[in-house]
Protein backbone atom coordinates (compact mmCIF):
# COMPACT_ATOMS: atom_id res chain seq x y z
CA MET A 1 151.64 51.11 103.01
CA ARG A 2 151.78 54.88 101.10
CA VAL A 3 147.51 54.34 100.55
CA ALA A 4 147.35 53.54 104.35
CA ASP A 5 149.46 56.58 105.76
CA LEU A 6 147.92 59.52 103.72
CA VAL A 7 144.57 58.18 104.85
CA GLU A 8 145.35 58.02 108.54
CA ALA A 9 146.99 61.60 108.14
CA GLU A 10 143.81 62.28 106.55
CA GLY A 11 141.43 61.46 109.44
CA ARG A 12 143.99 63.40 112.14
CA SER A 13 143.54 66.27 110.44
CA PHE A 14 139.67 65.93 110.06
CA SER A 15 139.26 64.86 113.89
CA LYS A 16 141.68 68.17 114.60
CA SER A 17 139.80 70.53 112.41
CA LEU A 18 136.03 68.67 113.98
CA ARG A 19 137.84 69.51 117.06
CA GLU A 20 138.17 73.41 116.84
CA GLU A 21 134.83 73.44 115.52
CA GLY A 22 132.78 72.06 118.44
CA ARG A 23 135.18 74.18 120.64
CA VAL A 24 133.99 77.23 118.52
CA PHE A 25 130.53 76.37 118.02
CA LYS A 26 130.37 75.80 121.88
CA ALA A 27 131.41 79.31 122.37
CA ALA A 28 128.90 80.67 119.77
CA THR A 29 125.44 78.56 121.21
CA THR A 30 126.83 80.22 125.01
CA ARG A 31 126.60 83.50 123.47
CA LEU A 32 123.28 82.88 122.11
CA GLY A 33 122.44 81.57 125.16
CA PHE A 34 123.36 85.56 127.02
CA ALA A 35 122.01 87.08 124.40
CA THR A 36 118.38 85.47 124.31
CA ALA A 37 117.82 85.15 128.25
CA ALA A 38 119.20 88.93 128.20
CA LEU A 39 117.05 89.53 125.40
CA VAL A 40 114.28 88.12 127.14
CA VAL A 41 114.70 90.52 130.48
CA SER A 42 114.75 93.33 128.82
CA GLY A 43 112.19 92.90 127.28
CA LEU A 44 110.53 91.98 130.23
CA PHE A 45 111.07 95.35 131.84
CA PHE A 46 110.05 97.21 128.32
CA ALA A 47 106.76 96.31 128.71
CA ILE A 48 106.22 96.75 132.20
CA GLY A 49 107.54 100.30 131.77
CA PHE A 50 105.18 100.74 129.15
CA LEU A 51 102.41 99.37 130.93
CA VAL A 52 103.44 101.89 133.90
CA CYS A 53 104.05 104.56 131.40
CA LEU A 54 99.92 103.90 130.27
CA ALA A 55 98.95 104.26 133.63
CA ALA A 56 99.69 107.15 134.57
CA LEU A 57 98.87 108.90 131.70
CA PHE A 58 95.94 107.47 132.39
CA LEU A 59 95.72 108.54 136.06
CA ALA A 60 97.45 111.69 134.99
CA LEU A 61 93.36 112.34 132.86
CA GLN A 62 91.14 110.91 134.37
CA PRO A 63 90.38 113.61 136.59
CA PRO A 64 89.55 116.33 133.52
CA LEU A 65 88.44 114.24 130.65
CA GLY A 66 85.99 111.29 133.00
CA THR A 67 87.32 107.85 132.95
CA PRO A 68 85.40 106.90 129.55
CA ALA A 69 87.83 109.44 127.68
CA ALA A 70 90.99 108.52 129.71
CA ALA A 71 90.68 104.42 128.76
CA ALA A 72 89.44 105.62 125.19
CA LEU A 73 92.94 108.03 124.93
CA THR A 74 95.64 105.76 126.52
CA GLY A 75 94.19 102.70 124.47
CA ALA A 76 94.49 104.34 121.32
CA LEU A 77 97.82 105.86 121.84
CA ALA A 78 98.43 101.97 123.17
CA ILE A 79 97.46 100.48 119.77
CA ALA A 80 99.23 103.63 117.50
CA ILE A 81 102.49 102.46 119.72
CA GLY A 82 101.55 98.62 119.14
CA CYS A 83 101.51 100.42 115.02
CA ALA A 84 104.76 101.76 114.88
CA LEU A 85 106.47 99.26 115.75
CA LEU A 86 104.93 97.04 113.80
CA ILE A 87 105.42 98.74 110.38
CA VAL A 88 109.33 99.12 112.44
CA ALA A 89 109.55 95.80 112.69
CA GLN A 90 107.76 94.77 109.04
CA LYS A 91 110.83 97.03 106.97
CA ILE A 92 113.73 95.39 109.46
CA SER A 93 112.87 91.80 108.12
CA GLN A 94 112.62 93.69 104.66
């Protein structure tokens, strides 16, 4: 009889613990989902803003330098910024 009572108490304790961990997990995954959605939306806004800035730079450089030179400078700037972001991402991940 004592062993059965002990097993029952352990089962109840495990069940209660499992329910609590489930609630914590659900809350954490909900927060993660919202954070991921916010990250995707902010990333899209950043990309659109960056493209608009590059287009403005191209249009500003086009009259004095000509179309090919303006395109080359704008492309070189975009590549340099992309490389810098990759280097920063690599350093953060280490």
